[in-house]
């Protein structure tokens, strides 16, 4: 009866795999965060006024500029699967006091990075086939990557095939720039997403 509500009240907690913690992607890189500031913010870090754009325009600009950024930055640092995994592994589950890694929602094997083409593809696995939080989880992963990765990357987040009853509908929502932008314009939803990705950067490895 509990599962019919779309909530998994007794999720399986998986033992965390040993994984070397890498240093977060350098803050000196140009990232999506410069285009996707918190709602209501229209200034840069140096307090220089910038044009007021809707989130739809900001997300669109990110996609349009990714190819030019890739061609003009031959000296860029290479982004790896391990870095991507370290970015998303500590994201908090919306329903449980556990991380997506602990619930086996995200896995290293389900990440594909093509650094040369500036593409990142991630599949995630909901804990139950009718999970009502699948879209929110996918949006949290997308938002975390948008705020962490260099601007050149195109991000594709989708449900692992065959693991959710509405995977096609959820995937369509997650990879529609207009829908993502509209979702992030909703202050309540953005607050929930921020809670899921709060305190998920981990520790910086020195040396």
N, C-alpha and C. Protein backbone atom coordinates (compact mmCIF):
# COMPACT_ATOMS: atom_id res chain seq x y z
N UNK A 1 0.83 -1.20 0.00
CA UNK A 1 0.00 0.00 0.00
C UNK A 1 0.87 1.26 0.00
N UNK A 2 2.00 1.20 0.72
CA UNK A 2 2.85 2.38 0.81
C UNK A 2 3.47 2.72 -0.52
N UNK A 3 3.81 1.67 -1.30
CA UNK A 3 4.47 1.93 -2.57
C UNK A 3 3.53 2.52 -3.60
N UNK A 4 2.19 2.25 -3.46
CA UNK A 4 1.24 2.78 -4.42
C UNK A 4 1.21 4.30 -4.40
N UNK A 5 1.65 4.91 -3.33
CA UNK A 5 1.64 6.37 -3.23
C UNK A 5 2.78 7.01 -4.02
N UNK A 6 3.67 6.17 -4.52
CA UNK A 6 4.82 6.70 -5.24
C UNK A 6 5.99 7.00 -4.34
N UNK A 7 5.89 6.62 -3.05
CA UNK A 7 6.97 6.85 -2.11
C UNK A 7 7.54 5.51 -1.65
N UNK A 8 8.83 5.44 -1.53
CA UNK A 8 9.49 4.24 -1.03
C UNK A 8 9.80 4.46 0.44
N UNK A 9 9.00 3.88 1.32
CA UNK A 9 9.14 4.13 2.74
C UNK A 9 10.24 3.31 3.38
N UNK A 10 10.74 2.32 2.67
CA UNK A 10 11.80 1.47 3.22
C UNK A 10 12.84 1.18 2.15
N UNK A 11 13.61 2.20 1.75
CA UNK A 11 14.56 2.03 0.65
C UNK A 11 15.75 1.19 1.06
N UNK A 12 16.35 0.53 0.07
CA UNK A 12 17.56 -0.24 0.30
C UNK A 12 18.75 0.71 0.35
N UNK A 13 19.54 0.61 1.40
CA UNK A 13 20.73 1.45 1.54
C UNK A 13 21.94 0.62 1.13
N UNK A 14 22.69 1.10 0.16
CA UNK A 14 23.82 0.37 -0.37
C UNK A 14 25.11 0.84 0.28
N UNK A 15 26.02 -0.11 0.48
CA UNK A 15 27.32 0.21 1.03
C UNK A 15 28.10 1.05 0.04
N UNK A 16 28.67 2.14 0.52
CA UNK A 16 29.40 3.04 -0.37
C UNK A 16 30.68 2.39 -0.83
N UNK A 17 30.96 2.54 -2.12
CA UNK A 17 32.19 2.03 -2.68
C UNK A 17 33.33 2.98 -2.37
N UNK A 18 34.51 2.41 -2.18
CA UNK A 18 35.68 3.26 -1.98
C UNK A 18 35.94 4.04 -3.25
N UNK A 19 36.11 5.33 -3.08
CA UNK A 19 36.34 6.18 -4.24
C UNK A 19 37.19 7.35 -3.82
N UNK A 20 38.28 7.54 -4.51
CA UNK A 20 39.18 8.65 -4.14
C UNK A 20 38.47 9.96 -4.36
N UNK A 21 38.56 10.85 -3.38
CA UNK A 21 37.91 12.16 -3.48
C UNK A 21 38.84 13.10 -4.21
N UNK A 22 38.36 13.61 -5.31
CA UNK A 22 39.17 14.53 -6.09
C UNK A 22 38.81 15.95 -5.73
N UNK A 23 39.73 16.86 -6.02
CA UNK A 23 39.47 18.27 -5.74
C UNK A 23 38.34 18.76 -6.63
N UNK A 24 37.44 19.58 -6.11
CA UNK A 24 36.35 20.13 -6.93
C UNK A 24 36.90 20.89 -8.11
N UNK A 25 36.09 20.95 -9.16
CA UNK A 25 36.49 21.67 -10.35
C UNK A 25 36.83 23.11 -9.99
N UNK A 26 37.92 23.59 -10.52
CA UNK A 26 38.46 24.89 -10.14
C UNK A 26 37.43 25.99 -10.23
N UNK A 27 37.37 26.80 -9.21
CA UNK A 27 36.42 27.91 -9.19
C UNK A 27 36.81 29.01 -10.18
N UNK A 28 38.03 28.91 -10.74
CA UNK A 28 38.46 29.93 -11.69
C UNK A 28 37.91 29.66 -13.08
N UNK A 29 37.37 28.47 -13.29
CA UNK A 29 36.79 28.18 -14.59
C UNK A 29 35.49 28.95 -14.79
N UNK A 30 35.17 29.22 -16.04
CA UNK A 30 33.86 29.80 -16.33
C UNK A 30 32.83 28.70 -16.26
N UNK A 31 31.84 28.84 -15.39
CA UNK A 31 30.85 27.80 -15.19
C UNK A 31 29.46 28.31 -15.54
N UNK A 32 28.52 27.34 -15.56
CA UNK A 32 27.13 27.68 -15.80
C UNK A 32 26.59 28.63 -14.74
N UNK A 33 27.21 28.62 -13.56
CA UNK A 33 26.69 29.42 -12.45
C UNK A 33 26.65 30.90 -12.81
N UNK A 34 27.52 31.35 -13.71
CA UNK A 34 27.52 32.75 -14.10
C UNK A 34 26.27 33.10 -14.92
N UNK A 35 25.63 32.07 -15.46
CA UNK A 35 24.39 32.30 -16.22
C UNK A 35 23.16 31.93 -15.42
N UNK A 36 23.33 31.07 -14.42
CA UNK A 36 22.19 30.57 -13.66
C UNK A 36 22.32 30.99 -12.20
N UNK A 37 22.31 32.31 -11.97
CA UNK A 37 22.37 32.84 -10.62
C UNK A 37 21.06 32.57 -9.89
N UNK A 38 21.04 32.62 -8.56
CA UNK A 38 19.78 32.46 -7.84
C UNK A 38 18.73 33.46 -8.33
N UNK A 39 17.49 33.06 -8.25
CA UNK A 39 16.39 33.91 -8.70
C UNK A 39 16.45 35.26 -8.01
N UNK A 40 16.32 36.33 -8.79
CA UNK A 40 16.34 37.67 -8.24
C UNK A 40 17.69 38.32 -8.28
N UNK A 41 18.74 37.56 -8.64
CA UNK A 41 20.08 38.13 -8.70
C UNK A 41 20.39 38.54 -10.11
N UNK A 42 20.86 39.78 -10.30
CA UNK A 42 21.20 40.25 -11.64
C UNK A 42 22.54 40.96 -11.65
N UNK A 43 23.43 40.59 -10.69
CA UNK A 43 24.75 41.19 -10.65
C UNK A 43 25.79 40.11 -10.61
N UNK A 44 26.99 40.45 -11.04
CA UNK A 44 28.11 39.53 -11.00
C UNK A 44 28.83 39.68 -9.68
N UNK A 45 29.89 38.87 -9.47
CA UNK A 45 30.59 38.89 -8.20
C UNK A 45 31.24 40.23 -7.91
N UNK A 46 31.60 40.99 -8.96
CA UNK A 46 32.23 42.28 -8.72
C UNK A 46 31.21 43.42 -8.69
N UNK A 47 29.94 43.04 -8.54
CA UNK A 47 28.83 43.99 -8.38
C UNK A 47 28.61 44.86 -9.62
N UNK A 48 29.15 44.43 -10.77
CA UNK A 48 28.88 45.15 -12.01
C UNK A 48 27.53 44.73 -12.54
N UNK A 49 26.59 45.67 -12.77
CA UNK A 49 25.26 45.30 -13.24
C UNK A 49 25.35 44.54 -14.55
N UNK A 50 24.50 43.53 -14.68
CA UNK A 50 24.43 42.77 -15.92
C UNK A 50 23.01 42.79 -16.43
N UNK A 51 22.79 42.52 -17.72
CA UNK A 51 21.43 42.55 -18.26
C UNK A 51 20.54 41.56 -17.55
N UNK A 52 19.29 41.94 -17.32
CA UNK A 52 18.34 41.05 -16.65
C UNK A 52 17.76 40.10 -17.69
N UNK A 53 18.04 38.81 -17.52
CA UNK A 53 17.55 37.80 -18.43
C UNK A 53 16.64 36.84 -17.67
N UNK A 54 15.70 36.22 -18.38
CA UNK A 54 14.92 35.16 -17.77
C UNK A 54 15.79 33.92 -17.70
N UNK A 55 15.42 32.97 -16.83
CA UNK A 55 16.20 31.74 -16.75
C UNK A 55 16.17 30.98 -18.06
N UNK A 56 15.06 31.10 -18.81
CA UNK A 56 15.00 30.45 -20.11
C UNK A 56 16.08 30.98 -21.03
N UNK A 57 16.28 32.31 -21.02
CA UNK A 57 17.32 32.92 -21.84
C UNK A 57 18.70 32.51 -21.37
N UNK A 58 18.86 32.41 -20.03
CA UNK A 58 20.16 32.03 -19.50
C UNK A 58 20.53 30.61 -19.90
N UNK A 59 19.58 29.67 -19.73
CA UNK A 59 19.84 28.28 -20.09
C UNK A 59 20.10 28.16 -21.59
N UNK A 60 19.35 28.93 -22.39
CA UNK A 60 19.55 28.91 -23.84
C UNK A 60 20.93 29.42 -24.21
N UNK A 61 21.37 30.48 -23.54
CA UNK A 61 22.70 31.02 -23.81
C UNK A 61 23.79 30.01 -23.50
N UNK A 62 23.59 29.22 -22.46
CA UNK A 62 24.58 28.20 -22.10
C UNK A 62 24.76 27.22 -23.23
N UNK A 63 23.65 26.72 -23.79
CA UNK A 63 23.74 25.76 -24.88
C UNK A 63 24.34 26.37 -26.13
N UNK A 64 23.98 27.61 -26.43
CA UNK A 64 24.47 28.26 -27.64
C UNK A 64 25.96 28.53 -27.59
N UNK A 65 26.48 28.80 -26.37
CA UNK A 65 27.89 29.18 -26.23
C UNK A 65 28.82 28.01 -26.01
N UNK A 66 28.28 26.79 -25.80
CA UNK A 66 29.13 25.67 -25.43
C UNK A 66 30.12 25.30 -26.52
N UNK A 67 29.69 25.31 -27.79
CA UNK A 67 30.58 24.93 -28.88
C UNK A 67 31.70 25.95 -29.06
N UNK A 68 31.35 27.25 -29.01
CA UNK A 68 32.37 28.28 -29.16
C UNK A 68 33.38 28.22 -28.03
N UNK A 69 32.89 27.95 -26.81
CA UNK A 69 33.79 27.87 -25.67
C UNK A 69 34.75 26.71 -25.82
N UNK A 70 34.25 25.58 -26.35
CA UNK A 70 35.09 24.40 -26.51
C UNK A 70 36.19 24.65 -27.53
N UNK A 71 35.86 25.37 -28.62
CA UNK A 71 36.84 25.62 -29.67
C UNK A 71 37.90 26.63 -29.26
N UNK A 72 37.55 27.54 -28.37
CA UNK A 72 38.45 28.62 -28.04
C UNK A 72 39.32 28.33 -26.81
N UNK A 73 39.05 27.20 -26.14
CA UNK A 73 39.77 26.91 -24.90
C UNK A 73 40.54 25.61 -25.02
N UNK A 74 41.56 25.60 -25.87
CA UNK A 74 42.34 24.39 -26.09
C UNK A 74 43.16 24.00 -24.87
N UNK A 75 43.45 24.95 -24.00
CA UNK A 75 44.24 24.67 -22.82
C UNK A 75 43.42 24.31 -21.61
N UNK A 76 42.19 23.89 -21.77
CA UNK A 76 41.28 23.62 -20.67
C UNK A 76 41.70 22.36 -19.89
N UNK A 77 41.21 22.30 -18.67
CA UNK A 77 41.41 21.10 -17.85
C UNK A 77 40.40 20.04 -18.27
N UNK A 78 40.86 18.81 -18.33
CA UNK A 78 40.00 17.71 -18.75
C UNK A 78 39.08 17.31 -17.60
N UNK A 79 37.79 17.12 -17.90
CA UNK A 79 36.81 16.68 -16.92
C UNK A 79 36.61 15.17 -17.06
N UNK A 80 36.62 14.45 -15.94
CA UNK A 80 36.56 12.99 -15.96
C UNK A 80 35.26 12.48 -15.34
N UNK A 81 34.99 11.19 -15.54
CA UNK A 81 33.84 10.55 -14.92
C UNK A 81 33.91 10.64 -13.39
N UNK A 82 35.12 10.50 -12.87
CA UNK A 82 35.29 10.57 -11.42
C UNK A 82 34.88 11.94 -10.88
N UNK A 83 35.26 13.00 -11.59
CA UNK A 83 34.86 14.35 -11.18
C UNK A 83 33.35 14.49 -11.20
N UNK A 84 32.72 14.01 -12.26
CA UNK A 84 31.27 14.11 -12.37
C UNK A 84 30.60 13.34 -11.23
N UNK A 85 31.09 12.15 -10.96
CA UNK A 85 30.52 11.34 -9.88
C UNK A 85 30.67 12.04 -8.53
N UNK A 86 31.84 12.63 -8.31
CA UNK A 86 32.07 13.33 -7.05
C UNK A 86 31.16 14.55 -6.90
N UNK A 87 30.75 15.14 -8.01
CA UNK A 87 29.85 16.30 -7.96
C UNK A 87 28.45 15.88 -7.52
N UNK A 88 27.96 14.73 -8.00
CA UNK A 88 26.56 14.35 -7.78
C UNK A 88 26.34 13.31 -6.70
N UNK A 89 27.37 12.64 -6.25
CA UNK A 89 27.21 11.49 -5.35
C UNK A 89 26.60 11.88 -4.01
N UNK A 90 26.85 13.09 -3.53
CA UNK A 90 26.38 13.51 -2.20
C UNK A 90 25.06 14.26 -2.24
N UNK A 91 24.44 14.35 -3.39
CA UNK A 91 23.13 15.01 -3.47
C UNK A 91 22.16 14.27 -2.55
N UNK A 92 21.37 15.02 -1.80
CA UNK A 92 20.45 14.44 -0.83
C UNK A 92 19.17 13.96 -1.51
N UNK A 93 18.70 12.79 -1.10
CA UNK A 93 17.42 12.29 -1.60
C UNK A 93 16.29 13.16 -1.06
N UNK A 94 15.28 13.48 -1.87
CA UNK A 94 14.20 14.36 -1.40
C UNK A 94 13.35 13.77 -0.28
N UNK A 95 13.31 12.42 -0.19
CA UNK A 95 12.43 11.77 0.78
C UNK A 95 13.15 11.23 2.01
N UNK A 96 14.43 10.88 1.86
CA UNK A 96 15.13 10.18 2.93
C UNK A 96 16.41 10.92 3.30
N UNK A 97 16.86 10.77 4.54
CA UNK A 97 18.12 11.42 4.96
C UNK A 97 19.34 10.65 4.47
N UNK A 98 19.37 10.37 3.20
CA UNK A 98 20.43 9.58 2.57
C UNK A 98 20.84 10.25 1.28
N UNK A 99 22.03 9.93 0.81
CA UNK A 99 22.49 10.50 -0.46
C UNK A 99 22.08 9.61 -1.63
N UNK A 100 22.17 10.17 -2.82
CA UNK A 100 21.84 9.39 -4.01
C UNK A 100 22.80 8.22 -4.19
N UNK A 101 24.04 8.39 -3.75
CA UNK A 101 25.00 7.28 -3.82
C UNK A 101 24.59 6.17 -2.87
N UNK A 102 24.19 6.51 -1.66
CA UNK A 102 23.81 5.50 -0.67
C UNK A 102 22.61 4.69 -1.14
N UNK A 103 21.72 5.30 -1.90
CA UNK A 103 20.53 4.62 -2.41
C UNK A 103 20.78 3.97 -3.77
N UNK A 104 22.01 4.10 -4.27
CA UNK A 104 22.38 3.53 -5.57
C UNK A 104 21.59 4.17 -6.72
N UNK A 105 21.12 5.40 -6.49
CA UNK A 105 20.40 6.13 -7.54
C UNK A 105 21.38 6.59 -8.61
N UNK A 106 22.57 7.00 -8.20
CA UNK A 106 23.62 7.37 -9.15
C UNK A 106 24.79 6.40 -8.99
N UNK A 107 25.39 6.05 -10.13
CA UNK A 107 26.49 5.09 -10.14
C UNK A 107 27.53 5.55 -11.15
N UNK A 108 28.78 5.23 -10.87
CA UNK A 108 29.87 5.60 -11.77
C UNK A 108 29.67 5.01 -13.16
N UNK A 109 29.18 3.76 -13.21
CA UNK A 109 29.03 3.08 -14.49
C UNK A 109 27.97 3.70 -15.39
N UNK A 110 27.11 4.55 -14.81
CA UNK A 110 26.03 5.16 -15.58
C UNK A 110 26.35 6.61 -15.96
N UNK A 111 27.63 6.94 -15.94
CA UNK A 111 28.08 8.28 -16.33
C UNK A 111 28.95 8.15 -17.57
N UNK A 112 28.69 9.00 -18.54
CA UNK A 112 29.50 9.03 -19.75
C UNK A 112 29.96 10.47 -20.01
N UNK A 113 31.27 10.66 -20.13
CA UNK A 113 31.83 11.98 -20.37
C UNK A 113 32.62 11.97 -21.67
N UNK A 114 32.26 12.86 -22.58
CA UNK A 114 33.04 13.07 -23.80
C UNK A 114 33.61 14.47 -23.70
N UNK A 115 34.81 14.55 -23.13
CA UNK A 115 35.41 15.86 -22.88
C UNK A 115 35.71 16.60 -24.18
N UNK A 116 36.13 15.86 -25.21
CA UNK A 116 36.47 16.49 -26.48
C UNK A 116 35.27 17.19 -27.10
N UNK A 117 34.08 16.60 -26.94
CA UNK A 117 32.86 17.17 -27.50
C UNK A 117 32.06 17.94 -26.45
N UNK A 118 32.60 18.05 -25.24
CA UNK A 118 31.96 18.79 -24.15
C UNK A 118 30.56 18.29 -23.86
N UNK A 119 30.45 16.99 -23.68
CA UNK A 119 29.16 16.37 -23.38
C UNK A 119 29.25 15.51 -22.12
N UNK A 120 28.21 15.60 -21.30
CA UNK A 120 28.09 14.76 -20.11
C UNK A 120 26.70 14.11 -20.15
N UNK A 121 26.68 12.79 -20.05
CA UNK A 121 25.42 12.05 -20.02
C UNK A 121 25.36 11.23 -18.74
N UNK A 122 24.27 11.37 -18.02
CA UNK A 122 24.09 10.66 -16.75
C UNK A 122 22.74 9.98 -16.73
N UNK A 123 22.74 8.72 -16.35
CA UNK A 123 21.50 8.00 -16.09
C UNK A 123 21.39 7.76 -14.60
N UNK A 124 20.19 7.94 -14.06
CA UNK A 124 19.96 7.67 -12.64
C UNK A 124 18.83 6.68 -12.48
N UNK A 125 18.86 5.94 -11.37
CA UNK A 125 17.92 4.84 -11.16
C UNK A 125 17.04 5.10 -9.94
N UNK A 126 15.75 5.43 -10.14
CA UNK A 126 14.86 5.62 -8.99
C UNK A 126 14.78 4.34 -8.15
N UNK A 127 14.47 4.50 -6.86
CA UNK A 127 14.46 3.34 -5.96
C UNK A 127 13.28 2.41 -6.22
N UNK A 128 12.19 2.95 -6.79
CA UNK A 128 11.03 2.14 -7.14
C UNK A 128 10.51 2.60 -8.50
N UNK A 129 9.85 1.70 -9.26
CA UNK A 129 9.43 2.04 -10.63
C UNK A 129 8.41 3.16 -10.73
N UNK A 130 7.67 3.45 -9.65
CA UNK A 130 6.68 4.53 -9.70
C UNK A 130 7.05 5.67 -8.76
N UNK A 131 8.34 5.87 -8.57
CA UNK A 131 8.83 6.94 -7.68
C UNK A 131 8.29 8.30 -8.11
N UNK A 132 7.61 8.97 -7.20
CA UNK A 132 7.02 10.27 -7.51
C UNK A 132 8.04 11.40 -7.50
N UNK A 133 9.26 11.10 -7.03
CA UNK A 133 10.30 12.12 -6.92
C UNK A 133 11.32 12.06 -8.06
N UNK A 134 11.06 11.25 -9.07
CA UNK A 134 12.04 11.06 -10.14
C UNK A 134 12.39 12.36 -10.84
N UNK A 135 11.39 13.17 -11.16
CA UNK A 135 11.66 14.43 -11.84
C UNK A 135 12.46 15.38 -10.96
N UNK A 136 12.13 15.43 -9.68
CA UNK A 136 12.85 16.30 -8.74
C UNK A 136 14.30 15.84 -8.59
N UNK A 137 14.53 14.54 -8.53
CA UNK A 137 15.89 14.02 -8.44
C UNK A 137 16.68 14.40 -9.68
N UNK A 138 16.07 14.19 -10.85
CA UNK A 138 16.75 14.55 -12.09
C UNK A 138 17.04 16.03 -12.20
N UNK A 139 16.11 16.85 -11.73
CA UNK A 139 16.31 18.29 -11.75
C UNK A 139 17.42 18.71 -10.79
N UNK A 140 17.51 18.03 -9.66
CA UNK A 140 18.58 18.33 -8.69
C UNK A 140 19.95 17.98 -9.28
N UNK A 141 20.04 16.85 -9.96
CA UNK A 141 21.29 16.45 -10.61
C UNK A 141 21.66 17.48 -11.68
N UNK A 142 20.69 17.85 -12.50
CA UNK A 142 20.92 18.81 -13.57
C UNK A 142 21.40 20.15 -13.01
N UNK A 143 20.72 20.64 -11.98
CA UNK A 143 21.06 21.94 -11.39
C UNK A 143 22.45 21.91 -10.77
N UNK A 144 22.77 20.82 -10.07
CA UNK A 144 24.10 20.70 -9.47
C UNK A 144 25.19 20.73 -10.54
N UNK A 145 24.98 20.05 -11.64
CA UNK A 145 25.96 20.04 -12.72
C UNK A 145 26.05 21.40 -13.40
N UNK A 146 24.92 22.04 -13.60
CA UNK A 146 24.90 23.37 -14.21
C UNK A 146 25.73 24.35 -13.39
N UNK A 147 25.64 24.23 -12.06
CA UNK A 147 26.35 25.16 -11.18
C UNK A 147 27.83 24.79 -11.00
N UNK A 148 28.20 23.60 -11.41
CA UNK A 148 29.56 23.11 -11.14
C UNK A 148 30.46 23.00 -12.36
N UNK A 149 29.88 22.74 -13.53
CA UNK A 149 30.70 22.44 -14.71
C UNK A 149 31.04 23.69 -15.51
N UNK A 150 32.13 23.62 -16.26
CA UNK A 150 32.45 24.70 -17.19
C UNK A 150 31.30 24.91 -18.18
N UNK A 151 31.19 26.12 -18.65
CA UNK A 151 30.05 26.51 -19.49
C UNK A 151 29.98 25.73 -20.80
N UNK A 152 31.09 25.17 -21.24
CA UNK A 152 31.12 24.51 -22.55
C UNK A 152 30.32 23.20 -22.59
N UNK A 153 29.98 22.64 -21.44
CA UNK A 153 29.37 21.33 -21.42
C UNK A 153 27.87 21.34 -21.71
N UNK A 154 27.44 20.37 -22.51
CA UNK A 154 26.03 20.09 -22.70
C UNK A 154 25.69 18.90 -21.81
N UNK A 155 24.66 19.06 -20.99
CA UNK A 155 24.32 18.06 -19.98
C UNK A 155 23.04 17.33 -20.37
N UNK A 156 23.09 16.00 -20.29
CA UNK A 156 21.90 15.18 -20.56
C UNK A 156 21.70 14.25 -19.37
N UNK A 157 20.59 14.43 -18.68
CA UNK A 157 20.26 13.60 -17.52
C UNK A 157 18.99 12.82 -17.84
N UNK A 158 19.02 11.52 -17.63
CA UNK A 158 17.86 10.69 -17.94
C UNK A 158 17.76 9.51 -16.99
N UNK A 159 16.60 8.86 -16.98
CA UNK A 159 16.36 7.70 -16.14
C UNK A 159 16.95 6.46 -16.81
N UNK A 160 17.55 5.58 -16.02
CA UNK A 160 18.07 4.32 -16.54
C UNK A 160 16.93 3.56 -17.21
N UNK A 161 17.09 3.16 -18.46
CA UNK A 161 16.00 2.50 -19.19
C UNK A 161 15.41 1.31 -18.43
N UNK A 162 14.07 1.28 -18.39
CA UNK A 162 13.36 0.16 -17.78
C UNK A 162 13.22 0.22 -16.27
N UNK A 163 13.58 1.36 -15.65
CA UNK A 163 13.53 1.42 -14.18
C UNK A 163 12.42 2.32 -13.64
N UNK A 164 11.63 2.93 -14.52
CA UNK A 164 10.54 3.80 -14.05
C UNK A 164 9.37 3.72 -15.02
N UNK A 165 8.16 3.74 -14.46
CA UNK A 165 6.96 3.57 -15.27
C UNK A 165 6.73 4.73 -16.25
N UNK A 166 7.26 5.91 -15.93
CA UNK A 166 7.04 7.08 -16.78
C UNK A 166 8.36 7.68 -17.24
N UNK A 167 9.32 6.83 -17.55
CA UNK A 167 10.66 7.32 -17.87
C UNK A 167 10.67 8.23 -19.09
N UNK A 168 9.87 7.94 -20.11
CA UNK A 168 9.87 8.78 -21.31
C UNK A 168 9.38 10.18 -21.01
N UNK A 169 8.33 10.29 -20.22
CA UNK A 169 7.79 11.61 -19.86
C UNK A 169 8.77 12.39 -18.99
N UNK A 170 9.38 11.71 -18.01
CA UNK A 170 10.34 12.37 -17.13
C UNK A 170 11.56 12.82 -17.93
N UNK A 171 12.07 11.95 -18.80
CA UNK A 171 13.24 12.30 -19.61
C UNK A 171 12.96 13.50 -20.51
N UNK A 172 11.76 13.57 -21.05
CA UNK A 172 11.38 14.69 -21.90
C UNK A 172 11.40 15.99 -21.11
N UNK A 173 10.92 15.95 -19.89
CA UNK A 173 10.92 17.14 -19.04
C UNK A 173 12.33 17.57 -18.69
N UNK A 174 13.19 16.62 -18.34
CA UNK A 174 14.53 16.94 -17.88
C UNK A 174 15.43 17.50 -18.97
N UNK A 175 15.14 17.13 -20.22
CA UNK A 175 16.02 17.55 -21.31
C UNK A 175 15.37 18.58 -22.23
N UNK A 176 14.33 19.23 -21.72
CA UNK A 176 13.70 20.34 -22.41
C UNK A 176 14.15 21.63 -21.71
N UNK A 177 14.98 22.44 -22.39
CA UNK A 177 15.54 23.63 -21.76
C UNK A 177 14.47 24.58 -21.25
N UNK A 178 13.39 24.70 -22.00
CA UNK A 178 12.33 25.61 -21.59
C UNK A 178 11.65 25.13 -20.31
N UNK A 179 11.43 23.81 -20.22
CA UNK A 179 10.79 23.26 -19.02
C UNK A 179 11.70 23.39 -17.80
N UNK A 180 12.99 23.12 -18.00
CA UNK A 180 13.93 23.26 -16.89
C UNK A 180 13.98 24.71 -16.42
N UNK A 181 14.04 25.64 -17.36
CA UNK A 181 14.07 27.05 -17.01
C UNK A 181 12.80 27.46 -16.26
N UNK A 182 11.66 26.99 -16.74
CA UNK A 182 10.38 27.32 -16.10
C UNK A 182 10.34 26.75 -14.68
N UNK A 183 10.85 25.53 -14.51
CA UNK A 183 10.86 24.91 -13.19
C UNK A 183 11.72 25.71 -12.22
N UNK A 184 12.86 26.18 -12.69
CA UNK A 184 13.77 26.91 -11.82
C UNK A 184 13.32 28.35 -11.58
N UNK A 185 12.32 28.81 -12.32
CA UNK A 185 11.71 30.12 -12.03
C UNK A 185 10.75 30.02 -10.85
N UNK A 186 10.32 28.80 -10.54
CA UNK A 186 9.42 28.58 -9.42
C UNK A 186 10.23 28.61 -8.12
N UNK A 187 10.03 29.64 -7.32
CA UNK A 187 10.87 29.84 -6.13
C UNK A 187 10.73 28.70 -5.14
N UNK A 188 9.53 28.15 -5.00
CA UNK A 188 9.34 27.04 -4.06
C UNK A 188 10.10 25.81 -4.53
N UNK A 189 9.98 25.49 -5.81
CA UNK A 189 10.68 24.33 -6.35
C UNK A 189 12.19 24.52 -6.28
N UNK A 190 12.65 25.73 -6.58
CA UNK A 190 14.08 26.02 -6.51
C UNK A 190 14.59 25.85 -5.08
N UNK A 191 13.78 26.22 -4.10
CA UNK A 191 14.16 26.06 -2.70
C UNK A 191 14.32 24.57 -2.35
N UNK A 192 13.42 23.74 -2.86
CA UNK A 192 13.50 22.30 -2.62
C UNK A 192 14.76 21.73 -3.27
N UNK A 193 15.03 22.15 -4.50
CA UNK A 193 16.24 21.70 -5.20
C UNK A 193 17.49 22.12 -4.43
N UNK A 194 17.49 23.37 -3.96
CA UNK A 194 18.64 23.87 -3.21
C UNK A 194 18.88 23.05 -1.94
N UNK A 195 17.80 22.58 -1.32
CA UNK A 195 17.94 21.74 -0.13
C UNK A 195 18.57 20.40 -0.47
N UNK A 196 18.23 19.88 -1.64
CA UNK A 196 18.77 18.59 -2.07
C UNK A 196 20.27 18.68 -2.37
N UNK A 197 20.72 19.83 -2.86
CA UNK A 197 22.12 19.94 -3.27
C UNK A 197 22.96 20.74 -2.28
N UNK A 198 22.37 21.11 -1.14
CA UNK A 198 23.11 21.87 -0.12
C UNK A 198 24.17 20.99 0.53
N UNK A 199 25.35 21.57 0.77
CA UNK A 199 26.44 20.90 1.47
C UNK A 199 26.85 19.60 0.79
N UNK A 200 26.95 19.62 -0.53
CA UNK A 200 27.28 18.40 -1.28
C UNK A 200 28.61 18.49 -2.01
N UNK A 201 29.43 19.49 -1.67
CA UNK A 201 30.68 19.67 -2.40
C UNK A 201 31.81 18.77 -1.87
N UNK A 202 31.69 18.26 -0.65
CA UNK A 202 32.73 17.40 -0.10
C UNK A 202 33.96 18.18 0.29
N UNK A 203 35.05 17.48 0.50
CA UNK A 203 36.29 18.09 0.95
C UNK A 203 37.28 18.23 -0.20
N UNK A 204 38.09 19.24 -0.12
CA UNK A 204 39.11 19.47 -1.14
C UNK A 204 40.38 18.70 -0.77
N UNK A 205 40.89 17.96 -1.74
CA UNK A 205 42.13 17.23 -1.50
C UNK A 205 43.30 18.15 -1.79
N UNK A 206 44.19 18.29 -0.82
CA UNK A 206 45.35 19.17 -0.99
C UNK A 206 46.52 18.37 -1.54
N UNK A 207 47.40 19.11 -2.24
CA UNK A 207 48.59 18.46 -2.79
C UNK A 207 48.27 17.77 -4.08
